[in-house]
Amino acid sequence: EITEQGCRIQFVPFASRQYIHMDVEVNRKMTGYLL
């Protein structure tokens, strides 16, 4: 909004989804099923 007092802006999240880069840590006991 721009008024005589100046400009005020804010970011508004809108997207229905995000791309996320995610790490998944495995261990010696982790089979494919558990992973």
PDB file of all heavy atoms in Angstrom:
ATOM      1  N   GLU A   1       0.846  -1.185   0.000  1.00  0.00           N
ATOM      2  CA  GLU A   1       0.000   0.000   0.000  1.00  0.00           C
ATOM      3  C   GLU A   1       0.887   1.242   0.000  1.00  0.00           C
ATOM      4  O   GLU A   1       1.886   1.304   0.729  1.00  0.00           O
ATOM      5  CB  GLU A   1      -0.900   0.006   1.241  1.00  0.00           C
ATOM      6  CG  GLU A   1      -1.853   1.188   1.305  1.00  0.00           C
ATOM      7  CD  GLU A   1      -2.722   1.163   2.541  1.00  0.00           C
ATOM      8  OE1 GLU A   1      -2.372   0.449   3.510  1.00  0.00           O
ATOM      9  OE2 GLU A   1      -3.752   1.863   2.556  1.00  0.00           O
ATOM     10  N   ILE A   2       0.536   2.192  -0.852  1.00  0.00           N
ATOM     11  CA  ILE A   2       1.249   3.470  -0.890  1.00  0.00           C
ATOM     12  C   ILE A   2       0.296   4.563  -0.421  1.00  0.00           C
ATOM     13  O   ILE A   2      -0.787   4.736  -0.979  1.00  0.00           O
ATOM     14  CB  ILE A   2       1.761   3.791  -2.295  1.00  0.00           C
ATOM     15  CG1 ILE A   2       2.711   2.690  -2.800  1.00  0.00           C
ATOM     16  CG2 ILE A   2       2.492   5.134  -2.316  1.00  0.00           C
ATOM     17  CD1 ILE A   2       3.185   2.898  -4.218  1.00  0.00           C
ATOM     18  N   THR A   3       0.707   5.276   0.605  1.00  0.00           N
ATOM     19  CA  THR A   3      -0.087   6.384   1.138  1.00  0.00           C
ATOM     20  C   THR A   3       0.836   7.585   1.344  1.00  0.00           C
ATOM     21  O   THR A   3       2.029   7.533   1.035  1.00  0.00           O
ATOM     22  CB  THR A   3      -0.725   6.008   2.492  1.00  0.00           C
ATOM     23  OG1 THR A   3       0.322   5.815   3.460  1.00  0.00           O
ATOM     24  CG2 THR A   3      -1.540   4.721   2.371  1.00  0.00           C
ATOM     25  N   GLU A   4       0.280   8.631   1.865  1.00  0.00           N
ATOM     26  CA  GLU A   4       1.096   9.809   2.152  1.00  0.00           C
ATOM     27  C   GLU A   4       2.162   9.512   3.203  1.00  0.00           C
ATOM     28  O   GLU A   4       3.166  10.226   3.307  1.00  0.00           O
ATOM     29  CB  GLU A   4       0.196  10.959   2.626  1.00  0.00           C
ATOM     30  CG  GLU A   4      -0.735  11.486   1.546  1.00  0.00           C
ATOM     31  CD  GLU A   4      -1.607  12.629   2.034  1.00  0.00           C
ATOM     32  OE1 GLU A   4      -1.570  12.896   3.263  1.00  0.00           O
ATOM     33  OE2 GLU A   4      -2.305  13.235   1.210  1.00  0.00           O
ATOM     34  N   GLN A   5       1.966   8.453   3.973  1.00  0.00           N
ATOM     35  CA  GLN A   5       2.951   8.070   4.982  1.00  0.00           C
ATOM     36  C   GLN A   5       4.081   7.225   4.399  1.00  0.00           C
ATOM     37  O   GLN A   5       5.055   6.921   5.076  1.00  0.00           O
ATOM     38  CB  GLN A   5       2.273   7.290   6.116  1.00  0.00           C
ATOM     39  CG  GLN A   5       1.467   8.162   7.074  1.00  0.00           C
ATOM     40  CD  GLN A   5       0.206   8.726   6.442  1.00  0.00           C
ATOM     41  OE1 GLN A   5      -0.539   7.985   5.787  1.00  0.00           O
ATOM     42  NE2 GLN A   5      -0.041  10.012   6.620  1.00  0.00           N
ATOM     43  N   GLY A   6       3.940   6.824   3.122  1.00  0.00           N
ATOM     44  CA  GLY A   6       4.982   6.044   2.473  1.00  0.00           C
ATOM     45  C   GLY A   6       4.460   4.722   1.940  1.00  0.00           C
ATOM     46  O   GLY A   6       3.247   4.478   1.887  1.00  0.00           O
ATOM     47  N   CYS A   7       5.387   3.870   1.545  1.00  0.00           N
ATOM     48  CA  CYS A   7       5.049   2.569   0.956  1.00  0.00           C
ATOM     49  C   CYS A   7       5.294   1.458   1.975  1.00  0.00           C
ATOM     50  O   CYS A   7       6.295   1.481   2.705  1.00  0.00           O
ATOM     51  CB  CYS A   7       5.898   2.334  -0.290  1.00  0.00           C
ATOM     52  SG  CYS A   7       5.617   0.740  -1.106  1.00  0.00           S
ATOM     53  N   ARG A   8       4.374   0.492   2.006  1.00  0.00           N
ATOM     54  CA  ARG A   8       4.517  -0.667   2.872  1.00  0.00           C
ATOM     55  C   ARG A   8       4.220  -1.914   2.044  1.00  0.00           C
ATOM     56  O   ARG A   8       3.160  -2.009   1.432  1.00  0.00           O
ATOM     57  CB  ARG A   8       3.556  -0.599   4.070  1.00  0.00           C
ATOM     58  CG  ARG A   8       3.846   0.544   5.035  1.00  0.00           C
ATOM     59  CD  ARG A   8       5.105   0.279   5.833  1.00  0.00           C
ATOM     60  NE  ARG A   8       5.373   1.340   6.793  1.00  0.00           N
ATOM     61  CZ  ARG A   8       6.093   2.424   6.526  1.00  0.00           C
ATOM     62  NH1 ARG A   8       6.610   2.600   5.317  1.00  0.00           N
ATOM     63  NH2 ARG A   8       6.302   3.339   7.465  1.00  0.00           N
ATOM     64  N   ILE A   9       5.161  -2.853   2.001  1.00  0.00           N
ATOM     65  CA  ILE A   9       4.948  -4.091   1.242  1.00  0.00           C
ATOM     66  C   ILE A   9       5.247  -5.295   2.126  1.00  0.00           C
ATOM     67  O   ILE A   9       5.974  -5.193   3.114  1.00  0.00           O
ATOM     68  CB  ILE A   9       5.826  -4.160  -0.024  1.00  0.00           C
ATOM     69  CG1 ILE A   9       7.321  -4.210   0.353  1.00  0.00           C
ATOM     70  CG2 ILE A   9       5.531  -3.017  -0.967  1.00  0.00           C
ATOM     71  CD1 ILE A   9       8.219  -4.565  -0.802  1.00  0.00           C
ATOM     72  N   GLN A  10       4.676  -6.432   1.735  1.00  0.00           N
ATOM     73  CA  GLN A  10       4.982  -7.689   2.403  1.00  0.00           C
ATOM     74  C   GLN A  10       4.807  -8.830   1.415  1.00  0.00           C
ATOM     75  O   GLN A  10       3.992  -8.759   0.490  1.00  0.00           O
ATOM     76  CB  GLN A  10       4.086  -7.915   3.624  1.00  0.00           C
ATOM     77  CG  GLN A  10       2.618  -8.052   3.307  1.00  0.00           C
ATOM     78  CD  GLN A  10       1.781  -8.368   4.531  1.00  0.00           C
ATOM     79  OE1 GLN A  10       2.304  -8.743   5.577  1.00  0.00           O
ATOM     80  NE2 GLN A  10       0.466  -8.226   4.419  1.00  0.00           N
ATOM     81  N   PHE A  11       5.586  -9.874   1.607  1.00  0.00           N
ATOM     82  CA  PHE A  11       5.470 -11.062   0.767  1.00  0.00           C
ATOM     83  C   PHE A  11       4.318 -11.926   1.269  1.00  0.00           C
ATOM     84  O   PHE A  11       4.186 -12.175   2.472  1.00  0.00           O
ATOM     85  CB  PHE A  11       6.765 -11.872   0.792  1.00  0.00           C
ATOM     86  CG  PHE A  11       6.662 -13.200   0.099  1.00  0.00           C
ATOM     87  CD1 PHE A  11       6.529 -13.265  -1.283  1.00  0.00           C
ATOM     88  CD2 PHE A  11       6.670 -14.378   0.828  1.00  0.00           C
ATOM     89  CE1 PHE A  11       6.421 -14.485  -1.928  1.00  0.00           C
ATOM     90  CE2 PHE A  11       6.566 -15.604   0.192  1.00  0.00           C
ATOM     91  CZ  PHE A  11       6.437 -15.660  -1.189  1.00  0.00           C
ATOM     92  N   VAL A  12       3.467 -12.383   0.332  1.00  0.00           N
ATOM     93  CA  VAL A  12       2.316 -13.217   0.672  1.00  0.00           C
ATOM     94  C   VAL A  12       2.491 -14.590   0.024  1.00  0.00           C
ATOM     95  O   VAL A  12       2.437 -14.715  -1.202  1.00  0.00           O
ATOM     96  CB  VAL A  12       0.995 -12.587   0.184  1.00  0.00           C
ATOM     97  CG1 VAL A  12      -0.185 -13.482   0.542  1.00  0.00           C
ATOM     98  CG2 VAL A  12       0.817 -11.186   0.768  1.00  0.00           C
ATOM     99  N   PRO A  13       2.745 -15.643   0.800  1.00  0.00           N
ATOM    100  CA  PRO A  13       2.852 -16.993   0.222  1.00  0.00           C
ATOM    101  C   PRO A  13       1.545 -17.372  -0.478  1.00  0.00           C
ATOM    102  O   PRO A  13       0.466 -17.158   0.052  1.00  0.00           O
ATOM    103  CB  PRO A  13       3.112 -17.879   1.447  1.00  0.00           C
ATOM    104  CG  PRO A  13       3.658 -16.952   2.483  1.00  0.00           C
ATOM    105  CD  PRO A  13       2.968 -15.635   2.247  1.00  0.00           C
ATOM    106  N   PHE A  14       1.680 -17.948  -1.675  1.00  0.00           N
ATOM    107  CA  PHE A  14       0.484 -18.228  -2.471  1.00  0.00           C
ATOM    108  C   PHE A  14       0.539 -19.610  -3.125  1.00  0.00           C
ATOM    109  O   PHE A  14      -0.488 -20.236  -3.350  1.00  0.00           O
ATOM    110  CB  PHE A  14       0.336 -17.146  -3.544  1.00  0.00           C
ATOM    111  CG  PHE A  14      -0.807 -17.366  -4.497  1.00  0.00           C
ATOM    112  CD1 PHE A  14      -2.097 -17.010  -4.144  1.00  0.00           C
ATOM    113  CD2 PHE A  14      -0.596 -17.926  -5.755  1.00  0.00           C
ATOM    114  CE1 PHE A  14      -3.159 -17.208  -5.023  1.00  0.00           C
ATOM    115  CE2 PHE A  14      -1.648 -18.130  -6.640  1.00  0.00           C
ATOM    116  CZ  PHE A  14      -2.937 -17.766  -6.269  1.00  0.00           C
ATOM    117  N   ALA A  15       1.739 -20.076  -3.445  1.00  0.00           N
ATOM    118  CA  ALA A  15       1.888 -21.317  -4.216  1.00  0.00           C
ATOM    119  C   ALA A  15       1.273 -22.499  -3.472  1.00  0.00           C
ATOM    120  O   ALA A  15       1.361 -22.606  -2.252  1.00  0.00           O
ATOM    121  CB  ALA A  15       3.363 -21.589  -4.496  1.00  0.00           C
ATOM    122  N   SER A  16       0.661 -23.383  -4.223  1.00  0.00           N
ATOM    123  CA  SER A  16       0.019 -24.552  -3.622  1.00  0.00           C
ATOM    124  C   SER A  16       1.028 -25.629  -3.251  1.00  0.00           C
ATOM    125  O   SER A  16       0.721 -26.538  -2.485  1.00  0.00           O
ATOM    126  CB  SER A  16      -1.027 -25.134  -4.579  1.00  0.00           C
ATOM    127  OG  SER A  16      -0.439 -25.460  -5.829  1.00  0.00           O
ATOM    128  N   ARG A  17       2.254 -25.535  -3.800  1.00  0.00           N
ATOM    129  CA  ARG A  17       3.284 -26.524  -3.485  1.00  0.00           C
ATOM    130  C   ARG A  17       4.667 -25.918  -3.683  1.00  0.00           C
ATOM    131  O   ARG A  17       4.810 -24.870  -4.285  1.00  0.00           O
ATOM    132  CB  ARG A  17       3.134 -27.776  -4.359  1.00  0.00           C
ATOM    133  CG  ARG A  17       3.193 -27.520  -5.846  1.00  0.00           C
ATOM    134  CD  ARG A  17       2.889 -28.785  -6.631  1.00  0.00           C
ATOM    135  NE  ARG A  17       1.683 -29.432  -6.189  1.00  0.00           N
ATOM    136  CZ  ARG A  17       0.463 -29.088  -6.584  1.00  0.00           C
ATOM    137  NH1 ARG A  17       0.308 -28.078  -7.433  1.00  0.00           N
ATOM    138  NH2 ARG A  17      -0.595 -29.716  -6.143  1.00  0.00           N
ATOM    139  N   GLN A  18       5.680 -26.612  -3.162  1.00  0.00           N
ATOM    140  CA  GLN A  18       7.060 -26.183  -3.296  1.00  0.00           C
ATOM    141  C   GLN A  18       7.907 -27.318  -3.848  1.00  0.00           C
ATOM    142  O   GLN A  18       7.567 -28.500  -3.693  1.00  0.00           O
ATOM    143  CB  GLN A  18       7.649 -25.778  -1.945  1.00  0.00           C
ATOM    144  CG  GLN A  18       6.988 -24.625  -1.242  1.00  0.00           C
ATOM    145  CD  GLN A  18       7.665 -24.314   0.079  1.00  0.00           C
ATOM    146  OE1 GLN A  18       8.869 -24.506   0.252  1.00  0.00           O
ATOM    147  NE2 GLN A  18       6.895 -23.839   1.036  1.00  0.00           N
ATOM    148  N   TYR A  19       9.015 -26.955  -4.509  1.00  0.00           N
ATOM    149  CA  TYR A  19      10.062 -27.927  -4.788  1.00  0.00           C
ATOM    150  C   TYR A  19      10.976 -27.957  -3.570  1.00  0.00           C
ATOM    151  O   TYR A  19      11.445 -26.919  -3.115  1.00  0.00           O
ATOM    152  CB  TYR A  19      10.871 -27.536  -6.023  1.00  0.00           C
ATOM    153  CG  TYR A  19      10.191 -27.873  -7.329  1.00  0.00           C
ATOM    154  CD1 TYR A  19       9.700 -26.881  -8.161  1.00  0.00           C
ATOM    155  CD2 TYR A  19      10.057 -29.198  -7.747  1.00  0.00           C
ATOM    156  CE1 TYR A  19       9.082 -27.178  -9.369  1.00  0.00           C
ATOM    157  CE2 TYR A  19       9.432 -29.512  -8.950  1.00  0.00           C
ATOM    158  CZ  TYR A  19       8.958 -28.492  -9.761  1.00  0.00           C
ATOM    159  OH  TYR A  19       8.356 -28.805 -10.944  1.00  0.00           O
ATOM    160  N   ILE A  20      11.233 -29.144  -3.047  1.00  0.00           N
ATOM    161  CA  ILE A  20      12.078 -29.288  -1.866  1.00  0.00           C
ATOM    162  C   ILE A  20      13.211 -30.261  -2.160  1.00  0.00           C
ATOM    163  O   ILE A  20      12.980 -31.378  -2.636  1.00  0.00           O
ATOM    164  CB  ILE A  20      11.259 -29.779  -0.657  1.00  0.00           C
ATOM    165  CG1 ILE A  20      10.211 -28.730  -0.266  1.00  0.00           C
ATOM    166  CG2 ILE A  20      12.167 -30.097   0.532  1.00  0.00           C
ATOM    167  CD1 ILE A  20       9.331 -29.151   0.900  1.00  0.00           C
ATOM    168  N   HIS A  21      14.444 -29.831  -1.896  1.00  0.00           N
ATOM    169  CA  HIS A  21      15.604 -30.712  -1.975  1.00  0.00           C
ATOM    170  C   HIS A  21      15.809 -31.318  -0.588  1.00  0.00           C
ATOM    171  O   HIS A  21      16.058 -30.596   0.376  1.00  0.00           O
ATOM    172  CB  HIS A  21      16.843 -29.935  -2.411  1.00  0.00           C
ATOM    173  CG  HIS A  21      16.736 -29.396  -3.810  1.00  0.00           C
ATOM    174  ND1 HIS A  21      17.748 -28.691  -4.418  1.00  0.00           N
ATOM    175  CD2 HIS A  21      15.737 -29.467  -4.725  1.00  0.00           C
ATOM    176  CE1 HIS A  21      17.384 -28.340  -5.640  1.00  0.00           C
ATOM    177  NE2 HIS A  21      16.158 -28.798  -5.838  1.00  0.00           N
ATOM    178  N   MET A  22      15.701 -32.622  -0.478  1.00  0.00           N
ATOM    179  CA  MET A  22      15.679 -33.285   0.826  1.00  0.00           C
ATOM    180  C   MET A  22      16.738 -34.381   0.919  1.00  0.00           C
ATOM    181  O   MET A  22      16.851 -35.219   0.024  1.00  0.00           O
ATOM    182  CB  MET A  22      14.292 -33.885   1.076  1.00  0.00           C
ATOM    183  CG  MET A  22      14.101 -34.535   2.425  1.00  0.00           C
ATOM    184  SD  MET A  22      12.387 -35.072   2.682  1.00  0.00           S
ATOM    185  CE  MET A  22      12.317 -36.522   1.608  1.00  0.00           C
ATOM    186  N   ASP A  23      17.514 -34.353   2.003  1.00  0.00           N
ATOM    187  CA  ASP A  23      18.474 -35.424   2.283  1.00  0.00           C
ATOM    188  C   ASP A  23      17.798 -36.489   3.137  1.00  0.00           C
ATOM    189  O   ASP A  23      17.050 -36.181   4.070  1.00  0.00           O
ATOM    190  CB  ASP A  23      19.688 -34.881   3.036  1.00  0.00           C
ATOM    191  CG  ASP A  23      20.577 -34.008   2.156  1.00  0.00           C
ATOM    192  OD1 ASP A  23      20.415 -34.050   0.922  1.00  0.00           O
ATOM    193  OD2 ASP A  23      21.438 -33.300   2.705  1.00  0.00           O
ATOM    194  N   VAL A  24      18.081 -37.749   2.815  1.00  0.00           N
ATOM    195  CA  VAL A  24      17.613 -38.873   3.626  1.00  0.00           C
ATOM    196  C   VAL A  24      18.840 -39.689   4.014  1.00  0.00           C
ATOM    197  O   VAL A  24      19.547 -40.214   3.150  1.00  0.00           O
ATOM    198  CB  VAL A  24      16.607 -39.749   2.859  1.00  0.00           C
ATOM    199  CG1 VAL A  24      16.201 -40.961   3.705  1.00  0.00           C
ATOM    200  CG2 VAL A  24      15.382 -38.947   2.465  1.00  0.00           C
ATOM    201  N   GLU A  25      19.088 -39.781   5.315  1.00  0.00           N
ATOM    202  CA  GLU A  25      20.280 -40.478   5.799  1.00  0.00           C
ATOM    203  C   GLU A  25      19.972 -41.951   6.048  1.00  0.00           C
ATOM    204  O   GLU A  25      18.982 -42.297   6.697  1.00  0.00           O
ATOM    205  CB  GLU A  25      20.796 -39.831   7.073  1.00  0.00           C
ATOM    206  CG  GLU A  25      22.121 -40.413   7.540  1.00  0.00           C
ATOM    207  CD  GLU A  25      22.721 -39.658   8.707  1.00  0.00           C
ATOM    208  OE1 GLU A  25      22.092 -38.680   9.162  1.00  0.00           O
ATOM    209  OE2 GLU A  25      23.808 -40.047   9.159  1.00  0.00           O
ATOM    210  N   VAL A  26      20.831 -42.821   5.527  1.00  0.00           N
ATOM    211  CA  VAL A  26      20.663 -44.256   5.721  1.00  0.00           C
ATOM    212  C   VAL A  26      21.717 -44.758   6.710  1.00  0.00           C
ATOM    213  O   VAL A  26      22.666 -44.047   7.047  1.00  0.00           O
ATOM    214  CB  VAL A  26      20.786 -45.023   4.391  1.00  0.00           C
ATOM    215  CG1 VAL A  26      19.843 -44.451   3.352  1.00  0.00           C
ATOM    216  CG2 VAL A  26      22.228 -44.981   3.870  1.00  0.00           C
ATOM    217  N   ASN A  27      21.544 -45.989   7.177  1.00  0.00           N
ATOM    218  CA  ASN A  27      22.538 -46.630   8.034  1.00  0.00           C
ATOM    219  C   ASN A  27      22.667 -48.091   7.629  1.00  0.00           C
ATOM    220  O   ASN A  27      21.945 -48.573   6.747  1.00  0.00           O
ATOM    221  CB  ASN A  27      22.154 -46.493   9.518  1.00  0.00           C
ATOM    222  CG  ASN A  27      20.776 -47.055   9.821  1.00  0.00           C
ATOM    223  OD1 ASN A  27      20.457 -48.202   9.480  1.00  0.00           O
ATOM    224  ND2 ASN A  27      19.929 -46.243  10.439  1.00  0.00           N
ATOM    225  N   ARG A  28      23.568 -48.783   8.281  1.00  0.00           N
ATOM    226  CA  ARG A  28      23.897 -50.158   7.903  1.00  0.00           C
ATOM    227  C   ARG A  28      22.693 -51.092   7.996  1.00  0.00           C
ATOM    228  O   ARG A  28      22.597 -52.055   7.240  1.00  0.00           O
ATOM    229  CB  ARG A  28      25.044 -50.661   8.776  1.00  0.00           C
ATOM    230  CG  ARG A  28      25.531 -52.047   8.416  1.00  0.00           C
ATOM    231  CD  ARG A  28      26.656 -52.506   9.324  1.00  0.00           C
ATOM    232  NE  ARG A  28      27.039 -53.874   9.009  1.00  0.00           N
ATOM    233  CZ  ARG A  28      27.909 -54.221   8.063  1.00  0.00           C
ATOM    234  NH1 ARG A  28      28.490 -53.272   7.352  1.00  0.00           N
ATOM    235  NH2 ARG A  28      28.200 -55.485   7.827  1.00  0.00           N
ATOM    236  N   LYS A  29      21.762 -50.794   8.888  1.00  0.00           N
ATOM    237  CA  LYS A  29      20.620 -51.683   9.098  1.00  0.00           C
ATOM    238  C   LYS A  29      19.449 -51.391   8.160  1.00  0.00           C
ATOM    239  O   LYS A  29      18.441 -52.099   8.189  1.00  0.00           O
ATOM    240  CB  LYS A  29      20.142 -51.573  10.555  1.00  0.00           C
ATOM    241  CG  LYS A  29      21.165 -52.033  11.576  1.00  0.00           C
ATOM    242  CD  LYS A  29      20.620 -51.902  12.985  1.00  0.00           C
ATOM    243  CE  LYS A  29      21.625 -52.361  14.032  1.00  0.00           C
ATOM    244  NZ  LYS A  29      21.099 -52.232  15.409  1.00  0.00           N
ATOM    245  N   MET A  30      19.562 -50.367   7.355  1.00  0.00           N
ATOM    246  CA  MET A  30      18.413 -49.916   6.563  1.00  0.00           C
ATOM    247  C   MET A  30      18.305 -50.693   5.247  1.00  0.00           C
ATOM    248  O   MET A  30      19.132 -50.552   4.350  1.00  0.00           O
ATOM    249  CB  MET A  30      18.509 -48.412   6.293  1.00  0.00           C
ATOM    250  CG  MET A  30      17.244 -47.820   5.693  1.00  0.00           C
ATOM    251  SD  MET A  30      17.296 -46.008   5.650  1.00  0.00           S
ATOM    252  CE  MET A  30      16.967 -45.609   7.368  1.00  0.00           C
ATOM    253  N   THR A  31      17.253 -51.479   5.152  1.00  0.00           N
ATOM    254  CA  THR A  31      16.940 -52.178   3.904  1.00  0.00           C
ATOM    255  C   THR A  31      16.178 -51.245   2.970  1.00  0.00           C
ATOM    256  O   THR A  31      15.807 -50.127   3.345  1.00  0.00           O
ATOM    257  CB  THR A  31      16.076 -53.411   4.194  1.00  0.00           C
ATOM    258  OG1 THR A  31      14.834 -52.973   4.777  1.00  0.00           O
ATOM    259  CG2 THR A  31      16.784 -54.367   5.147  1.00  0.00           C
ATOM    260  N   GLY A  32      15.903 -51.721   1.768  1.00  0.00           N
ATOM    261  CA  GLY A  32      15.126 -50.919   0.835  1.00  0.00           C
ATOM    262  C   GLY A  32      13.731 -50.623   1.362  1.00  0.00           C
ATOM    263  O   GLY A  32      13.200 -49.523   1.196  1.00  0.00           O
ATOM    264  N   TYR A  33      13.139 -51.619   2.036  1.00  0.00           N
ATOM    265  CA  TYR A  33      11.804 -51.450   2.620  1.00  0.00           C
ATOM    266  C   TYR A  33      11.815 -50.356   3.688  1.00  0.00           C
ATOM    267  O   TYR A  33      10.939 -49.479   3.714  1.00  0.00           O
ATOM    268  CB  TYR A  33      11.345 -52.781   3.215  1.00  0.00           C
ATOM    269  CG  TYR A  33      10.085 -52.693   4.046  1.00  0.00           C
ATOM    270  CD1 TYR A  33       8.832 -52.580   3.438  1.00  0.00           C
ATOM    271  CD2 TYR A  33      10.150 -52.716   5.436  1.00  0.00           C
ATOM    272  CE1 TYR A  33       7.678 -52.486   4.195  1.00  0.00           C
ATOM    273  CE2 TYR A  33       8.996 -52.629   6.207  1.00  0.00           C
ATOM    274  CZ  TYR A  33       7.772 -52.515   5.582  1.00  0.00           C
ATOM    275  OH  TYR A  33       6.627 -52.432   6.339  1.00  0.00           O
ATOM    276  N   LEU A  34      12.809 -50.399   4.576  1.00  0.00           N
ATOM    277  CA  LEU A  34      12.905 -49.393   5.641  1.00  0.00           C
ATOM    278  C   LEU A  34      13.227 -48.015   5.071  1.00  0.00           C
ATOM    279  O   LEU A  34      12.740 -46.995   5.573  1.00  0.00           O
ATOM    280  CB  LEU A  34      13.964 -49.818   6.659  1.00  0.00           C
ATOM    281  CG  LEU A  34      13.641 -51.081   7.472  1.00  0.00           C
ATOM    282  CD1 LEU A  34      14.822 -51.444   8.375  1.00  0.00           C
ATOM    283  CD2 LEU A  34      12.369 -50.900   8.285  1.00  0.00           C
ATOM    284  N   LEU A  35      14.048 -47.975   4.034  1.00  0.00           N
ATOM    285  CA  LEU A  35      14.391 -46.702   3.408  1.00  0.00           C
ATOM    286  C   LEU A  35      13.150 -46.052   2.802  1.00  0.00           C
ATOM    287  O   LEU A  35      12.922 -44.845   2.965  1.00  0.00           O
ATOM    288  CB  LEU A  35      15.451 -46.908   2.330  1.00  0.00           C
ATOM    289  CG  LEU A  35      15.787 -45.679   1.475  1.00  0.00           C
ATOM    290  CD1 LEU A  35      16.275 -44.522   2.338  1.00  0.00           C
ATOM    291  CD2 LEU A  35      16.817 -46.032   0.412  1.00  0.00           C
TER     292      LEU A  35
END
